[in-house]
Amino acid sequence: MVNQYETVFIATPVLSEAQMKEAVAKYTQLIRDNGGEVVYEEDWGLRQLAYPIQHKTTGFYYLIEFKADSQFVNTLETQYHRDERIIRFLTVALDKDAIAYAEKRRANKAAKAAAAEAPKAEEE
């Protein structure tokens, strides 16, 4: 059965921009290769951790929202465990209310981005 999931992972802060993009590409490709569909991706950037993890106080946060078979989540989390670049992760199944909330959040973010672009276009 295909469900919609949201996964957030924290990558070690010692990664370069290229290494972070490579890690993200690896997981989005893994989702697609296993018959899933990436619905939305969001880079939250470098953030302070609430408590040290593996002697690190910051980490790169990344969110991926995807649709996949329920058995695939175990495969994804196994890959997270094996990857030394990932220091924490959380994957949750979204119910219909969470899906509606996520869509609303994406629409608000897109509207804010469009509003921010409008003044720049007027200046030129």
Protein backbone atom coordinates (compact mmCIF):
# COMPACT_ATOMS: atom_id res chain seq x y z
CA MET A 1 0.00 0.00 0.00
CA VAL A 2 1.35 3.41 -0.97
CA ASN A 3 1.42 5.93 1.87
CA GLN A 4 2.80 9.42 2.14
CA TYR A 5 5.78 9.90 4.46
CA GLU A 6 7.93 12.72 5.71
CA THR A 7 11.54 12.13 6.64
CA VAL A 8 13.93 14.59 8.22
CA PHE A 9 17.59 13.77 8.60
CA ILE A 10 20.47 15.62 10.20
CA ALA A 11 23.81 15.37 8.43
CA THR A 12 27.14 15.98 10.11
CA PRO A 13 28.24 19.64 9.96
CA VAL A 14 31.69 18.83 8.55
CA LEU A 15 30.24 18.13 5.08
CA SER A 16 30.89 20.51 2.22
CA GLU A 17 28.00 21.84 0.14
CA ALA A 18 28.77 19.31 -2.60
CA GLN A 19 28.87 16.39 -0.12
CA MET A 20 25.51 17.46 1.34
CA LYS A 21 23.95 17.63 -2.13
CA GLU A 22 25.41 14.19 -2.88
CA ALA A 23 23.83 12.74 0.28
CA VAL A 24 20.44 14.26 -0.58
CA ALA A 25 20.67 12.98 -4.16
CA LYS A 26 21.47 9.50 -2.85
CA TYR A 27 18.29 9.34 -0.76
CA THR A 28 15.97 10.94 -3.31
CA GLN A 29 17.30 8.50 -5.93
CA LEU A 30 16.82 5.60 -3.50
CA ILE A 31 13.18 6.62 -3.09
CA ARG A 32 12.67 6.80 -6.86
CA ASP A 33 14.52 3.53 -7.54
CA ASN A 34 12.20 1.70 -5.15
CA GLY A 35 9.03 2.89 -6.85
CA GLY A 36 8.49 5.96 -4.69
CA GLU A 37 7.69 9.52 -5.65
CA VAL A 38 9.37 12.55 -4.08
CA VAL A 39 6.58 15.04 -3.36
CA TYR A 40 8.61 17.86 -1.77
CA GLU A 41 12.13 18.62 -0.58
CA GLU A 42 13.29 21.38 1.70
CA ASP A 43 16.78 22.29 2.86
CA TRP A 44 16.61 23.72 6.37
CA GLY A 45 20.34 24.43 6.38
CA LEU A 46 22.84 24.41 9.21
CA ARG A 47 21.11 24.59 12.60
CA GLN A 48 22.04 24.38 16.24
CA LEU A 49 21.20 21.03 17.86
CA ALA A 50 19.24 20.97 21.12
CA TYR A 51 21.93 18.74 22.64
CA PRO A 52 25.27 17.38 21.39
CA ILE A 53 25.10 14.32 19.16
CA GLN A 54 28.40 12.50 18.55
CA HIS A 55 30.20 15.53 20.05
CA LYS A 56 28.64 17.85 17.44
CA THR A 57 26.48 20.86 18.31
CA THR A 58 25.26 21.74 14.79
CA GLY A 59 23.99 19.81 11.80
CA PHE A 60 22.53 20.17 8.31
CA TYR A 61 18.78 19.51 8.39
CA TYR A 62 16.94 18.26 5.30
CA LEU A 63 13.28 17.32 4.82
CA ILE A 64 11.96 14.97 2.14
CA GLU A 65 8.25 14.31 1.68
CA PHE A 66 7.55 11.22 -0.42
CA LYS A 67 5.03 8.57 -1.40
CA ALA A 68 6.18 4.96 -1.21
CA ASP A 69 5.23 1.45 -0.23
CA SER A 70 5.14 0.85 3.53
CA GLN A 71 7.89 -1.78 3.27
CA PHE A 72 10.29 0.78 1.78
CA VAL A 73 10.61 2.78 5.01
CA ASN A 74 12.66 -0.03 6.57
CA THR A 75 15.02 0.02 3.58
CA LEU A 76 15.41 3.80 3.81
CA GLU A 77 16.10 3.75 7.54
CA THR A 78 18.62 0.93 7.11
CA GLN A 79 20.47 3.14 4.62
CA TYR A 80 20.38 6.03 7.11
CA HIS A 81 21.91 3.78 9.79
CA ARG A 82 24.71 2.67 7.45
CA ASP A 83 25.60 6.20 6.30
CA GLU A 84 28.16 7.83 8.59
CA ARG A 85 27.16 11.28 7.27
CA ILE A 86 23.71 11.00 8.89
CA ILE A 87 23.72 11.60 12.65
CA ARG A 88 19.93 11.51 13.26
CA PHE A 89 16.76 10.86 11.26
CA LEU A 90 13.03 10.56 11.74
CA THR A 91 10.48 9.17 9.30
CA VAL A 92 6.74 9.50 9.94
CA ALA A 93 3.68 8.41 8.00
CA LEU A 94 1.36 11.32 7.22
CA ASP A 95 -2.36 10.96 7.78
CA LYS A 96 -4.90 12.95 5.74
CA ASP A 97 -4.78 15.93 8.14
CA ALA A 98 -0.99 16.04 8.09
CA ILE A 99 -1.00 15.86 4.29
CA ALA A 100 -3.45 18.77 4.12
CA TYR A 101 -1.30 20.75 6.58
CA ALA A 102 1.86 20.04 4.57
CA GLU A 103 0.17 21.19 1.35
CA LYS A 104 -1.01 24.38 3.07
CA ARG A 105 2.52 24.99 4.42
CA ARG A 106 4.02 24.54 0.95
CA ALA A 107 1.46 26.93 -0.57
CA ASN A 108 2.21 29.57 2.09
CA LYS A 109 5.95 29.20 1.51
CA ALA A 110 5.47 29.55 -2.26
CA ALA A 111 3.30 32.66 -1.76
CA LYS A 112 5.94 34.25 0.49
CA ALA A 113 8.66 33.47 -2.04
CA ALA A 114 6.58 35.01 -4.85
CA ALA A 115 5.92 38.10 -2.71
CA ALA A 116 9.63 38.46 -2.00
CA GLU A 117 10.42 38.22 -5.71
CA ALA A 118 7.82 40.86 -6.72
CA PRO A 119 9.67 43.88 -5.19
CA LYS A 120 12.95 42.73 -6.76
CA ALA A 121 11.32 42.60 -10.19
CA GLU A 122 9.89 46.13 -9.75
CA GLU A 123 13.33 47.57 -8.87
CA GLU A 124 14.80 46.37 -12.17
